[in-house]
Amino acid sequence: WSCFPDAPGTPATDPMCLDQTWMTWLSALVAHEEPDITAPGFAYMLQGGDDGSNTDPFATEPVAGEEWVSSPAHVMLLMPGDLDPSIITTDHHSGHPYIMWEGTPYEHIMMPVADPAHDD
């Protein structure tokens, strides 16, 4: 496991812990290269996190008029091959597991582990 105290450039503190498959994925993302995912990967962000977009893995902030994609505490799953949006939604507002960055080489499943309405 590799853990990071924060993802720089986001509005909140969003620590994350990644297994080796996710580290391979992260290295590819940072280099703008396609990751070679051959085994499932597991990661977690138990304080939640913020992303500039649910469709563009390289967005550093939301487009004008949009808000940050703020996720509650969650675990993340990488799978070899393409994910099927007919089985898992891409709606990050659903409160259910969803595909982030669907259709890109960086797509993965986000699985909330806390109800954001009850995080108090």
PDB file of N, CA and C in Angstrom:
ATOM      1  N   TRP A   1       0.828  -1.186   0.000  1.00  0.00           N
ATOM      2  CA  TRP A   1       0.000   0.000   0.000  1.00  0.00           C
ATOM      3  C   TRP A   1       0.864   1.237   0.000  1.00  0.00           C
ATOM      4  N   SER A   2       0.414   2.208  -0.754  1.00  0.00           N
ATOM      5  CA  SER A   2       1.028   3.531  -0.751  1.00  0.00           C
ATOM      6  C   SER A   2      -0.067   4.527  -0.408  1.00  0.00           C
ATOM      7  N   CYS A   3       0.218   5.390   0.564  1.00  0.00           N
ATOM      8  CA  CYS A   3      -0.783   6.364   0.989  1.00  0.00           C
ATOM      9  C   CYS A   3      -0.255   7.778   0.789  1.00  0.00           C
ATOM     10  N   PHE A   4      -1.167   8.677   0.429  1.00  0.00           N
ATOM     11  CA  PHE A   4      -0.833  10.072   0.160  1.00  0.00           C
ATOM     12  C   PHE A   4      -1.719  10.955   1.028  1.00  0.00           C
ATOM     13  N   PRO A   5      -1.172  12.009   1.628  1.00  0.00           N
ATOM     14  CA  PRO A   5      -1.957  12.846   2.539  1.00  0.00           C
ATOM     15  C   PRO A   5      -2.965  13.748   1.839  1.00  0.00           C
ATOM     16  N   ASP A   6      -2.782  14.016   0.547  1.00  0.00           N
ATOM     17  CA  ASP A   6      -3.686  14.930  -0.142  1.00  0.00           C
ATOM     18  C   ASP A   6      -3.433  14.851  -1.638  1.00  0.00           C
ATOM     19  N   ALA A   7      -4.482  15.115  -2.400  1.00  0.00           N
ATOM     20  CA  ALA A   7      -4.335  15.280  -3.846  1.00  0.00           C
ATOM     21  C   ALA A   7      -4.202  16.778  -4.092  1.00  0.00           C
ATOM     22  N   PRO A   8      -3.046  17.255  -4.459  1.00  0.00           N
ATOM     23  CA  PRO A   8      -2.872  18.698  -4.623  1.00  0.00           C
ATOM     24  C   PRO A   8      -3.792  19.258  -5.703  1.00  0.00           C
ATOM     25  N   GLY A   9      -4.208  20.492  -5.512  1.00  0.00           N
ATOM     26  CA  GLY A   9      -5.033  21.156  -6.509  1.00  0.00           C
ATOM     27  C   GLY A   9      -6.522  20.991  -6.308  1.00  0.00           C
ATOM     28  N   THR A  10      -6.934  20.264  -5.276  1.00  0.00           N
ATOM     29  CA  THR A  10      -8.361  20.106  -4.993  1.00  0.00           C
ATOM     30  C   THR A  10      -8.736  20.986  -3.802  1.00  0.00           C
ATOM     31  N   PRO A  11     -10.017  21.321  -3.663  1.00  0.00           N
ATOM     32  CA  PRO A  11     -10.393  22.276  -2.622  1.00  0.00           C
ATOM     33  C   PRO A  11     -10.368  21.743  -1.187  1.00  0.00           C
ATOM     34  N   ALA A  12     -10.362  20.432  -1.009  1.00  0.00           N
ATOM     35  CA  ALA A  12     -10.379  19.868   0.344  1.00  0.00           C
ATOM     36  C   ALA A  12      -9.181  18.948   0.529  1.00  0.00           C
ATOM     37  N   THR A  13      -8.942  18.546   1.751  1.00  0.00           N
ATOM     38  CA  THR A  13      -7.919  17.543   2.027  1.00  0.00           C
ATOM     39  C   THR A  13      -8.521  16.190   1.694  1.00  0.00           C
ATOM     40  N   ASP A  14      -7.871  15.465   0.785  1.00  0.00           N
ATOM     41  CA  ASP A  14      -8.421  14.192   0.341  1.00  0.00           C
ATOM     42  C   ASP A  14      -7.338  13.114   0.272  1.00  0.00           C
ATOM     43  N   PRO A  15      -6.994  12.559   1.454  1.00  0.00           N
ATOM     44  CA  PRO A  15      -5.977  11.501   1.476  1.00  0.00           C
ATOM     45  C   PRO A  15      -6.479  10.227   0.796  1.00  0.00           C
ATOM     46  N   MET A  16      -5.532   9.455   0.283  1.00  0.00           N
ATOM     47  CA  MET A  16      -5.890   8.204  -0.383  1.00  0.00           C
ATOM     48  C   MET A  16      -4.822   7.153  -0.143  1.00  0.00           C
ATOM     49  N   CYS A  17      -5.243   5.885  -0.185  1.00  0.00           N
ATOM     50  CA  CYS A  17      -4.323   4.756  -0.099  1.00  0.00           C
ATOM     51  C   CYS A  17      -4.587   3.839  -1.288  1.00  0.00           C
ATOM     52  N   LEU A  18      -3.502   3.415  -1.945  1.00  0.00           N
ATOM     53  CA  LEU A  18      -3.578   2.661  -3.195  1.00  0.00           C
ATOM     54  C   LEU A  18      -2.774   1.371  -3.114  1.00  0.00           C
ATOM     55  N   ASP A  19      -3.321   0.311  -3.695  1.00  0.00           N
ATOM     56  CA  ASP A  19      -2.528  -0.912  -3.820  1.00  0.00           C
ATOM     57  C   ASP A  19      -1.614  -0.789  -5.039  1.00  0.00           C
ATOM     58  N   GLN A  20      -0.841  -1.830  -5.342  1.00  0.00           N
ATOM     59  CA  GLN A  20       0.133  -1.755  -6.426  1.00  0.00           C
ATOM     60  C   GLN A  20      -0.522  -1.558  -7.790  1.00  0.00           C
ATOM     61  N   THR A  21      -1.677  -2.172  -8.026  1.00  0.00           N
ATOM     62  CA  THR A  21      -2.371  -1.978  -9.305  1.00  0.00           C
ATOM     63  C   THR A  21      -2.751  -0.515  -9.479  1.00  0.00           C
ATOM     64  N   TRP A  22      -3.240   0.099  -8.410  1.00  0.00           N
ATOM     65  CA  TRP A  22      -3.592   1.521  -8.470  1.00  0.00           C
ATOM     66  C   TRP A  22      -2.363   2.400  -8.641  1.00  0.00           C
ATOM     67  N   MET A  23      -1.237   2.022  -8.076  1.00  0.00           N
ATOM     68  CA  MET A  23      -0.011   2.807  -8.271  1.00  0.00           C
ATOM     69  C   MET A  23       0.407   2.770  -9.738  1.00  0.00           C
ATOM     70  N   THR A  24       0.255   1.617 -10.391  1.00  0.00           N
ATOM     71  CA  THR A  24       0.525   1.511 -11.828  1.00  0.00           C
ATOM     72  C   THR A  24      -0.400   2.446 -12.592  1.00  0.00           C
ATOM     73  N   TRP A  25      -1.674   2.441 -12.216  1.00  0.00           N
ATOM     74  CA  TRP A  25      -2.676   3.305 -12.840  1.00  0.00           C
ATOM     75  C   TRP A  25      -2.325   4.774 -12.632  1.00  0.00           C
ATOM     76  N   LEU A  26      -1.983   5.158 -11.393  1.00  0.00           N
ATOM     77  CA  LEU A  26      -1.662   6.552 -11.085  1.00  0.00           C
ATOM     78  C   LEU A  26      -0.437   7.023 -11.864  1.00  0.00           C
ATOM     79  N   SER A  27       0.577   6.191 -11.959  1.00  0.00           N
ATOM     80  CA  SER A  27       1.773   6.551 -12.733  1.00  0.00           C
ATOM     81  C   SER A  27       1.412   6.820 -14.191  1.00  0.00           C
ATOM     82  N   ALA A  28       0.534   5.985 -14.756  1.00  0.00           N
ATOM     83  CA  ALA A  28       0.102   6.186 -16.139  1.00  0.00           C
ATOM     84  C   ALA A  28      -0.719   7.469 -16.276  1.00  0.00           C
ATOM     85  N   LEU A  29      -1.602   7.729 -15.330  1.00  0.00           N
ATOM     86  CA  LEU A  29      -2.419   8.941 -15.374  1.00  0.00           C
ATOM     87  C   LEU A  29      -1.545  10.188 -15.353  1.00  0.00           C
ATOM     88  N   VAL A  30      -0.606  10.229 -14.445  1.00  0.00           N
ATOM     89  CA  VAL A  30       0.278  11.390 -14.322  1.00  0.00           C
ATOM     90  C   VAL A  30       1.089  11.599 -15.604  1.00  0.00           C
ATOM     91  N   ALA A  31       1.475  10.504 -16.249  1.00  0.00           N
ATOM     92  CA  ALA A  31       2.270  10.577 -17.485  1.00  0.00           C
ATOM     93  C   ALA A  31       1.393  10.729 -18.739  1.00  0.00           C
ATOM     94  N   HIS A  32       0.069  10.745 -18.567  1.00  0.00           N
ATOM     95  CA  HIS A  32      -0.874  10.798 -19.694  1.00  0.00           C
ATOM     96  C   HIS A  32      -0.652   9.608 -20.633  1.00  0.00           C
ATOM     97  N   GLU A  33      -0.394   8.445 -20.031  1.00  0.00           N
ATOM     98  CA  GLU A  33      -0.216   7.208 -20.781  1.00  0.00           C
ATOM     99  C   GLU A  33      -1.343   6.245 -20.420  1.00  0.00           C
ATOM    100  N   GLU A  34      -1.596   5.289 -21.279  1.00  0.00           N
ATOM    101  CA  GLU A  34      -2.638   4.306 -20.992  1.00  0.00           C
ATOM    102  C   GLU A  34      -2.117   3.278 -19.990  1.00  0.00           C
ATOM    103  N   PRO A  35      -2.843   3.058 -18.880  1.00  0.00           N
ATOM    104  CA  PRO A  35      -2.383   2.078 -17.900  1.00  0.00           C
ATOM    105  C   PRO A  35      -2.585   0.649 -18.410  1.00  0.00           C
ATOM    106  N   ASP A  36      -1.705  -0.243 -18.012  1.00  0.00           N
ATOM    107  CA  ASP A  36      -1.815  -1.659 -18.358  1.00  0.00           C
ATOM    108  C   ASP A  36      -2.331  -2.383 -17.113  1.00  0.00           C
ATOM    109  N   ILE A  37      -3.656  -2.469 -17.014  1.00  0.00           N
ATOM    110  CA  ILE A  37      -4.285  -3.086 -15.848  1.00  0.00           C
ATOM    111  C   ILE A  37      -4.588  -4.540 -16.171  1.00  0.00           C
ATOM    112  N   THR A  38      -3.902  -5.455 -15.480  1.00  0.00           N
ATOM    113  CA  THR A  38      -4.060  -6.880 -15.740  1.00  0.00           C
ATOM    114  C   THR A  38      -4.693  -7.622 -14.567  1.00  0.00           C
ATOM    115  N   ALA A  39      -4.912  -6.923 -13.453  1.00  0.00           N
ATOM    116  CA  ALA A  39      -5.509  -7.533 -12.268  1.00  0.00           C
ATOM    117  C   ALA A  39      -6.382  -6.487 -11.583  1.00  0.00           C
ATOM    118  N   PRO A  40      -7.369  -6.922 -10.813  1.00  0.00           N
ATOM    119  CA  PRO A  40      -8.176  -5.951 -10.071  1.00  0.00           C
ATOM    120  C   PRO A  40      -7.300  -5.128  -9.125  1.00  0.00           C
ATOM    121  N   GLY A  41      -7.712  -3.894  -8.899  1.00  0.00           N
ATOM    122  CA  GLY A  41      -7.003  -3.007  -7.980  1.00  0.00           C
ATOM    123  C   GLY A  41      -7.970  -2.408  -6.986  1.00  0.00           C
ATOM    124  N   PHE A  42      -7.468  -2.123  -5.784  1.00  0.00           N
ATOM    125  CA  PHE A  42      -8.304  -1.599  -4.710  1.00  0.00           C
ATOM    126  C   PHE A  42      -7.637  -0.377  -4.102  1.00  0.00           C
ATOM    127  N   ALA A  43      -8.433   0.665  -3.845  1.00  0.00           N
ATOM    128  CA  ALA A  43      -7.941   1.887  -3.207  1.00  0.00           C
ATOM    129  C   ALA A  43      -9.049   2.449  -2.338  1.00  0.00           C
ATOM    130  N   TYR A  44      -8.681   3.349  -1.432  1.00  0.00           N
ATOM    131  CA  TYR A  44      -9.714   3.983  -0.622  1.00  0.00           C
ATOM    132  C   TYR A  44      -9.379   5.425  -0.302  1.00  0.00           C
ATOM    133  N   MET A  45     -10.447   6.201  -0.144  1.00  0.00           N
ATOM    134  CA  MET A  45     -10.379   7.611   0.247  1.00  0.00           C
ATOM    135  C   MET A  45     -11.455   7.813   1.313  1.00  0.00           C
ATOM    136  N   LEU A  46     -11.104   7.588   2.568  1.00  0.00           N
ATOM    137  CA  LEU A  46     -12.096   7.555   3.628  1.00  0.00           C
ATOM    138  C   LEU A  46     -12.477   8.932   4.157  1.00  0.00           C
ATOM    139  N   GLN A  47     -11.875   9.991   3.612  1.00  0.00           N
ATOM    140  CA  GLN A  47     -12.335  11.350   3.880  1.00  0.00           C
ATOM    141  C   GLN A  47     -13.035  11.924   2.651  1.00  0.00           C
ATOM    142  N   GLY A  48     -13.239  11.093   1.649  1.00  0.00           N
ATOM    143  CA  GLY A  48     -13.842  11.558   0.409  1.00  0.00           C
ATOM    144  C   GLY A  48     -12.815  12.242  -0.464  1.00  0.00           C
ATOM    145  N   GLY A  49     -13.288  12.887  -1.509  1.00  0.00           N
ATOM    146  CA  GLY A  49     -12.374  13.550  -2.424  1.00  0.00           C
ATOM    147  C   GLY A  49     -13.116  14.415  -3.418  1.00  0.00           C
ATOM    148  N   ASP A  50     -12.371  15.244  -4.114  1.00  0.00           N
ATOM    149  CA  ASP A  50     -12.925  16.155  -5.107  1.00  0.00           C
ATOM    150  C   ASP A  50     -12.194  15.977  -6.431  1.00  0.00           C
ATOM    151  N   ASP A  51     -12.957  16.038  -7.515  1.00  0.00           N
ATOM    152  CA  ASP A  51     -12.397  15.970  -8.860  1.00  0.00           C
ATOM    153  C   ASP A  51     -13.016  17.077  -9.700  1.00  0.00           C
ATOM    154  N   GLY A  52     -12.272  17.548 -10.684  1.00  0.00           N
ATOM    155  CA  GLY A  52     -12.762  18.602 -11.565  1.00  0.00           C
ATOM    156  C   GLY A  52     -13.854  18.136 -12.500  1.00  0.00           C
ATOM    157  N   SER A  53     -13.912  16.825 -12.750  1.00  0.00           N
ATOM    158  CA  SER A  53     -14.876  16.299 -13.717  1.00  0.00           C
ATOM    159  C   SER A  53     -15.096  14.818 -13.464  1.00  0.00           C
ATOM    160  N   ASN A  54     -16.297  14.327 -13.797  1.00  0.00           N
ATOM    161  CA  ASN A  54     -16.565  12.897 -13.754  1.00  0.00           C
ATOM    162  C   ASN A  54     -16.364  12.259 -15.129  1.00  0.00           C
ATOM    163  N   THR A  55     -16.036  13.079 -16.139  1.00  0.00           N
ATOM    164  CA  THR A  55     -15.865  12.546 -17.490  1.00  0.00           C
ATOM    165  C   THR A  55     -14.459  12.769 -18.044  1.00  0.00           C
ATOM    166  N   ASP A  56     -13.734  13.751 -17.526  1.00  0.00           N
ATOM    167  CA  ASP A  56     -12.401  14.100 -18.028  1.00  0.00           C
ATOM    168  C   ASP A  56     -11.356  13.865 -16.945  1.00  0.00           C
ATOM    169  N   PRO A  57     -10.548  12.809 -17.076  1.00  0.00           N
ATOM    170  CA  PRO A  57      -9.561  12.506 -16.033  1.00  0.00           C
ATOM    171  C   PRO A  57      -8.475  13.571 -15.884  1.00  0.00           C
ATOM    172  N   PHE A  58      -8.334  14.458 -16.869  1.00  0.00           N
ATOM    173  CA  PHE A  58      -7.276  15.469 -16.804  1.00  0.00           C
ATOM    174  C   PHE A  58      -7.781  16.845 -16.400  1.00  0.00           C
ATOM    175  N   ALA A  59      -9.076  16.955 -16.066  1.00  0.00           N
ATOM    176  CA  ALA A  59      -9.627  18.244 -15.639  1.00  0.00           C
ATOM    177  C   ALA A  59      -9.023  18.624 -14.289  1.00  0.00           C
ATOM    178  N   THR A  60      -8.431  19.796 -14.220  1.00  0.00           N
ATOM    179  CA  THR A  60      -7.826  20.257 -12.971  1.00  0.00           C
ATOM    180  C   THR A  60      -8.778  21.111 -12.153  1.00  0.00           C
ATOM    181  N   GLU A  61      -9.904  21.477 -12.764  1.00  0.00           N
ATOM    182  CA  GLU A  61     -10.969  22.203 -12.070  1.00  0.00           C
ATOM    183  C   GLU A  61     -12.225  22.068 -12.909  1.00  0.00           C
ATOM    184  N   PRO A  62     -13.386  22.340 -12.326  1.00  0.00           N
ATOM    185  CA  PRO A  62     -14.626  22.237 -13.114  1.00  0.00           C
ATOM    186  C   PRO A  62     -14.664  23.273 -14.238  1.00  0.00           C
ATOM    187  N   VAL A  63     -15.382  22.939 -15.306  1.00  0.00           N
ATOM    188  CA  VAL A  63     -15.594  23.921 -16.371  1.00  0.00           C
ATOM    189  C   VAL A  63     -16.498  25.021 -15.826  1.00  0.00           C
ATOM    190  N   ALA A  64     -16.479  26.179 -16.457  1.00  0.00           N
ATOM    191  CA  ALA A  64     -17.286  27.320 -16.007  1.00  0.00           C
ATOM    192  C   ALA A  64     -18.747  26.912 -15.846  1.00  0.00           C
ATOM    193  N   GLY A  65     -19.320  27.271 -14.721  1.00  0.00           N
ATOM    194  CA  GLY A  65     -20.714  26.963 -14.439  1.00  0.00           C
ATOM    195  C   GLY A  65     -20.951  25.623 -13.773  1.00  0.00           C
ATOM    196  N   GLU A  66     -19.932  24.786 -13.688  1.00  0.00           N
ATOM    197  CA  GLU A  66     -20.049  23.480 -13.048  1.00  0.00           C
ATOM    198  C   GLU A  66     -19.418  23.534 -11.655  1.00  0.00           C
ATOM    199  N   GLU A  67     -19.692  22.517 -10.839  1.00  0.00           N
ATOM    200  CA  GLU A  67     -19.112  22.415  -9.503  1.00  0.00           C
ATOM    201  C   GLU A  67     -18.131  21.254  -9.461  1.00  0.00           C
ATOM    202  N   TRP A  68     -17.286  21.244  -8.429  1.00  0.00           N
ATOM    203  CA  TRP A  68     -16.401  20.114  -8.196  1.00  0.00           C
ATOM    204  C   TRP A  68     -17.242  18.855  -8.015  1.00  0.00           C
ATOM    205  N   VAL A  69     -16.727  17.716  -8.478  1.00  0.00           N
ATOM    206  CA  VAL A  69     -17.351  16.427  -8.212  1.00  0.00           C
ATOM    207  C   VAL A  69     -16.848  16.015  -6.832  1.00  0.00           C
ATOM    208  N   SER A  70     -17.686  16.193  -5.827  1.00  0.00           N
ATOM    209  CA  SER A  70     -17.313  15.881  -4.448  1.00  0.00           C
ATOM    210  C   SER A  70     -17.893  14.531  -4.063  1.00  0.00           C
ATOM    211  N   SER A  71     -17.014  13.611  -3.718  1.00  0.00           N
ATOM    212  CA  SER A  71     -17.432  12.257  -3.355  1.00  0.00           C
ATOM    213  C   SER A  71     -17.281  12.075  -1.855  1.00  0.00           C
ATOM    214  N   PRO A  72     -18.258  11.413  -1.217  1.00  0.00           N
ATOM    215  CA  PRO A  72     -18.096  11.091   0.204  1.00  0.00           C
ATOM    216  C   PRO A  72     -17.030  10.008   0.354  1.00  0.00           C
ATOM    217  N   ALA A  73     -16.791   9.564   1.564  1.00  0.00           N
ATOM    218  CA  ALA A  73     -15.864   8.459   1.796  1.00  0.00           C
ATOM    219  C   ALA A  73     -16.197   7.320   0.831  1.00  0.00           C
ATOM    220  N   HIS A  74     -15.145   6.751   0.215  1.00  0.00           N
ATOM    221  CA  HIS A  74     -15.394   5.711  -0.786  1.00  0.00           C
ATOM    222  C   HIS A  74     -14.190   4.801  -0.953  1.00  0.00           C
ATOM    223  N   VAL A  75     -14.454   3.644  -1.536  1.00  0.00           N
ATOM    224  CA  VAL A  75     -13.410   2.748  -2.017  1.00  0.00           C
ATOM    225  C   VAL A  75     -13.495   2.767  -3.534  1.00  0.00           C
ATOM    226  N   MET A  76     -12.390   2.430  -4.178  1.00  0.00           N
ATOM    227  CA  MET A  76     -12.326   2.462  -5.634  1.00  0.00           C
ATOM    228  C   MET A  76     -11.819   1.116  -6.141  1.00  0.00           C
ATOM    229  N   LEU A  77     -12.416   0.665  -7.228  1.00  0.00           N
ATOM    230  CA  LEU A  77     -12.072  -0.622  -7.802  1.00  0.00           C
ATOM    231  C   LEU A  77     -11.667  -0.451  -9.252  1.00  0.00           C
ATOM    232  N   LEU A  78     -10.509  -0.984  -9.593  1.00  0.00           N
ATOM    233  CA  LEU A  78     -10.046  -1.067 -10.988  1.00  0.00           C
ATOM    234  C   LEU A  78     -10.256  -2.488 -11.464  1.00  0.00           C
ATOM    235  N   MET A  79     -10.694  -2.629 -12.703  1.00  0.00           N
ATOM    236  CA  MET A  79     -10.877  -3.946 -13.297  1.00  0.00           C
ATOM    237  C   MET A  79     -10.204  -3.971 -14.659  1.00  0.00           C
ATOM    238  N   PRO A  80      -9.579  -5.094 -15.018  1.00  0.00           N
ATOM    239  CA  PRO A  80      -9.061  -5.204 -16.384  1.00  0.00           C
ATOM    240  C   PRO A  80     -10.216  -5.140 -17.378  1.00  0.00           C
ATOM    241  N   GLY A  81     -10.010  -4.530 -18.507  1.00  0.00           N
ATOM    242  CA  GLY A  81     -11.057  -4.452 -19.529  1.00  0.00           C
ATOM    243  C   GLY A  81     -11.981  -3.275 -19.299  1.00  0.00           C
ATOM    244  N   ASP A  82     -12.976  -3.169 -20.166  1.00  0.00           N
ATOM    245  CA  ASP A  82     -13.921  -2.059 -20.110  1.00  0.00           C
ATOM    246  C   ASP A  82     -15.036  -2.338 -19.110  1.00  0.00           C
ATOM    247  N   LEU A  83     -15.527  -1.276 -18.477  1.00  0.00           N
ATOM    248  CA  LEU A  83     -16.673  -1.381 -17.576  1.00  0.00           C
ATOM    249  C   LEU A  83     -17.954  -1.161 -18.368  1.00  0.00           C
ATOM    250  N   ASP A  84     -19.058  -1.729 -17.901  1.00  0.00           N
ATOM    251  CA  ASP A  84     -20.326  -1.669 -18.624  1.00  0.00           C
ATOM    252  C   ASP A  84     -21.285  -0.689 -17.948  1.00  0.00           C
ATOM    253  N   PRO A  85     -21.508   0.490 -18.561  1.00  0.00           N
ATOM    254  CA  PRO A  85     -22.407   1.470 -17.949  1.00  0.00           C
ATOM    255  C   PRO A  85     -23.875   1.047 -17.947  1.00  0.00           C
ATOM    256  N   SER A  86     -24.215  -0.065 -18.600  1.00  0.00           N
ATOM    257  CA  SER A  86     -25.588  -0.563 -18.508  1.00  0.00           C
ATOM    258  C   SER A  86     -25.789  -1.355 -17.216  1.00  0.00           C
ATOM    259  N   ILE A  87     -24.695  -1.702 -16.553  1.00  0.00           N
ATOM    260  CA  ILE A  87     -24.761  -2.443 -15.284  1.00  0.00           C
ATOM    261  C   ILE A  87     -24.507  -1.516 -14.100  1.00  0.00           C
ATOM    262  N   ILE A  88     -23.541  -0.616 -14.236  1.00  0.00           N
ATOM    263  CA  ILE A  88     -23.192   0.334 -13.175  1.00  0.00           C
ATOM    264  C   ILE A  88     -23.352   1.736 -13.745  1.00  0.00           C
ATOM    265  N   THR A  89     -24.059   2.579 -13.042  1.00  0.00           N
ATOM    266  CA  THR A  89     -24.331   3.931 -13.503  1.00  0.00           C
ATOM    267  C   THR A  89     -23.057   4.775 -13.615  1.00  0.00           C
ATOM    268  N   THR A  90     -23.159   5.853 -14.326  1.00  0.00           N
ATOM    269  CA  THR A  90     -22.091   6.857 -14.351  1.00  0.00           C
ATOM    270  C   THR A  90     -22.519   8.091 -13.562  1.00  0.00           C
ATOM    271  N   ASP A  91     -23.690   8.027 -12.931  1.00  0.00           N
ATOM    272  CA  ASP A  91     -24.252   9.159 -12.185  1.00  0.00           C
ATOM    273  C   ASP A  91     -23.607   9.263 -10.802  1.00  0.00           C
ATOM    274  N   HIS A  92     -22.735  10.244 -10.637  1.00  0.00           N
ATOM    275  CA  HIS A  92     -22.041  10.394  -9.354  1.00  0.00           C
ATOM    276  C   HIS A  92     -22.928  10.995  -8.266  1.00  0.00           C
ATOM    277  N   HIS A  93     -24.151  11.372  -8.605  1.00  0.00           N
ATOM    278  CA  HIS A  93     -25.105  11.885  -7.614  1.00  0.00           C
ATOM    279  C   HIS A  93     -26.026  10.789  -7.080  1.00  0.00           C
ATOM    280  N   SER A  94     -25.911   9.585  -7.592  1.00  0.00           N
ATOM    281  CA  SER A  94     -26.863   8.513  -7.274  1.00  0.00           C
ATOM    282  C   SER A  94     -26.761   8.006  -5.839  1.00  0.00           C
ATOM    283  N   GLY A  95     -25.596   8.149  -5.203  1.00  0.00           N
ATOM    284  CA  GLY A  95     -25.399   7.564  -3.880  1.00  0.00           C
ATOM    285  C   GLY A  95     -25.037   6.092  -3.941  1.00  0.00           C
ATOM    286  N   HIS A  96     -24.958   5.559  -5.158  1.00  0.00           N
ATOM    287  CA  HIS A  96     -24.614   4.151  -5.380  1.00  0.00           C
ATOM    288  C   HIS A  96     -23.255   4.067  -6.069  1.00  0.00           C
ATOM    289  N   PRO A  97     -22.681   2.864  -6.158  1.00  0.00           N
ATOM    290  CA  PRO A  97     -21.448   2.741  -6.948  1.00  0.00           C
ATOM    291  C   PRO A  97     -21.665   3.281  -8.356  1.00  0.00           C
ATOM    292  N   TYR A  98     -20.617   3.908  -8.883  1.00  0.00           N
ATOM    293  CA  TYR A  98     -20.721   4.477 -10.230  1.00  0.00           C
ATOM    294  C   TYR A  98     -19.370   4.410 -10.925  1.00  0.00           C
ATOM    295  N   ILE A  99     -19.421   4.525 -12.251  1.00  0.00           N
ATOM    296  CA  ILE A  99     -18.197   4.542 -13.043  1.00  0.00           C
ATOM    297  C   ILE A  99     -17.721   5.984 -13.156  1.00  0.00           C
ATOM    298  N   MET A 100     -16.485   6.211 -12.772  1.00  0.00           N
ATOM    299  CA  MET A 100     -15.857   7.515 -12.971  1.00  0.00           C
ATOM    300  C   MET A 100     -14.990   7.422 -14.212  1.00  0.00           C
ATOM    301  N   TRP A 101     -15.041   8.467 -15.020  1.00  0.00           N
ATOM    302  CA  TRP A 101     -14.254   8.607 -16.250  1.00  0.00           C
ATOM    303  C   TRP A 101     -14.532   7.477 -17.244  1.00  0.00           C
ATOM    304  N   GLU A 102     -15.815   7.127 -17.352  1.00  0.00           N
ATOM    305  CA  GLU A 102     -16.264   6.043 -18.224  1.00  0.00           C
ATOM    306  C   GLU A 102     -15.796   6.266 -19.656  1.00  0.00           C
ATOM    307  N   GLY A 103     -15.374   5.167 -20.283  1.00  0.00           N
ATOM    308  CA  GLY A 103     -14.949   5.209 -21.674  1.00  0.00           C
ATOM    309  C   GLY A 103     -13.523   5.674 -21.880  1.00  0.00           C
ATOM    310  N   THR A 104     -12.826   6.024 -20.804  1.00  0.00           N
ATOM    311  CA  THR A 104     -11.421   6.409 -20.912  1.00  0.00           C
ATOM    312  C   THR A 104     -10.557   5.266 -20.385  1.00  0.00           C
ATOM    313  N   PRO A 105      -9.256   5.269 -20.652  1.00  0.00           N
ATOM    314  CA  PRO A 105      -8.387   4.230 -20.097  1.00  0.00           C
ATOM    315  C   PRO A 105      -8.286   4.294 -18.566  1.00  0.00           C
ATOM    316  N   TYR A 106      -8.832   5.346 -17.967  1.00  0.00           N
ATOM    317  CA  TYR A 106      -8.709   5.569 -16.520  1.00  0.00           C
ATOM    318  C   TYR A 106     -10.013   5.294 -15.779  1.00  0.00           C
ATOM    319  N   GLU A 107     -11.012   4.706 -16.471  1.00  0.00           N
ATOM    320  CA  GLU A 107     -12.289   4.451 -15.817  1.00  0.00           C
ATOM    321  C   GLU A 107     -12.110   3.480 -14.647  1.00  0.00           C
ATOM    322  N   HIS A 108     -12.917   3.715 -13.618  1.00  0.00           N
ATOM    323  CA  HIS A 108     -12.888   2.873 -12.432  1.00  0.00           C
ATOM    324  C   HIS A 108     -14.222   2.985 -11.710  1.00  0.00           C
ATOM    325  N   ILE A 109     -14.453   2.094 -10.772  1.00  0.00           N
ATOM    326  CA  ILE A 109     -15.695   2.089 -10.011  1.00  0.00           C
ATOM    327  C   ILE A 109     -15.467   2.796  -8.683  1.00  0.00           C
ATOM    328  N   MET A 110     -16.345   3.755  -8.398  1.00  0.00           N
ATOM    329  CA  MET A 110     -16.360   4.468  -7.122  1.00  0.00           C
ATOM    330  C   MET A 110     -17.487   3.863  -6.288  1.00  0.00           C
ATOM    331  N   MET A 111     -17.177   3.461  -5.064  1.00  0.00           N
ATOM    332  CA  MET A 111     -18.178   2.849  -4.193  1.00  0.00           C
ATOM    333  C   MET A 111     -18.253   3.615  -2.877  1.00  0.00           C
ATOM    334  N   PRO A 112     -19.292   4.458  -2.717  1.00  0.00           N
ATOM    335  CA  PRO A 112     -19.424   5.204  -1.462  1.00  0.00           C
ATOM    336  C   PRO A 112     -19.550   4.245  -0.276  1.00  0.00           C
ATOM    337  N   VAL A 113     -18.913   4.602   0.827  1.00  0.00           N
ATOM    338  CA  VAL A 113     -19.016   3.794   2.050  1.00  0.00           C
ATOM    339  C   VAL A 113     -19.705   4.574   3.160  1.00  0.00           C
ATOM    340  N   ALA A 114     -20.149   5.792   2.852  1.00  0.00           N
ATOM    341  CA  ALA A 114     -20.860   6.619   3.825  1.00  0.00           C
ATOM    342  C   ALA A 114     -21.929   7.400   3.100  1.00  0.00           C
ATOM    343  N   ASP A 115     -23.035   7.607   3.754  1.00  0.00           N
ATOM    344  CA  ASP A 115     -24.107   8.421   3.219  1.00  0.00           C
ATOM    345  C   ASP A 115     -23.734   9.880   3.471  1.00  0.00           C
ATOM    346  N   PRO A 116     -23.530  10.697   2.425  1.00  0.00           N
ATOM    347  CA  PRO A 116     -23.093  12.066   2.645  1.00  0.00           C
ATOM    348  C   PRO A 116     -24.080  12.885   3.470  1.00  0.00           C
ATOM    349  N   ALA A 117     -25.343  12.487   3.520  1.00  0.00           N
ATOM    350  CA  ALA A 117     -26.324  13.199   4.321  1.00  0.00           C
ATOM    351  C   ALA A 117     -26.184  12.875   5.804  1.00  0.00           C
ATOM    352  N   HIS A 118     -25.420  11.823   6.124  1.00  0.00           N
ATOM    353  CA  HIS A 118     -25.262  11.395   7.520  1.00  0.00           C
ATOM    354  C   HIS A 118     -23.815  11.342   7.959  1.00  0.00           C
ATOM    355  N   ASP A 119     -22.949  12.166   7.383  1.00  0.00           N
ATOM    356  CA  ASP A 119     -21.525  12.157   7.746  1.00  0.00           C
ATOM    357  C   ASP A 119     -21.234  12.899   9.047  1.00  0.00           C
ATOM    358  N   ASP A 120     -22.219  13.482   9.706  1.00  0.00           N
ATOM    359  CA  ASP A 120     -21.978  14.268  10.912  1.00  0.00           C
ATOM    360  C   ASP A 120     -21.320  13.474  12.002  1.00  0.00           C
TER     361      ASP A 120
END
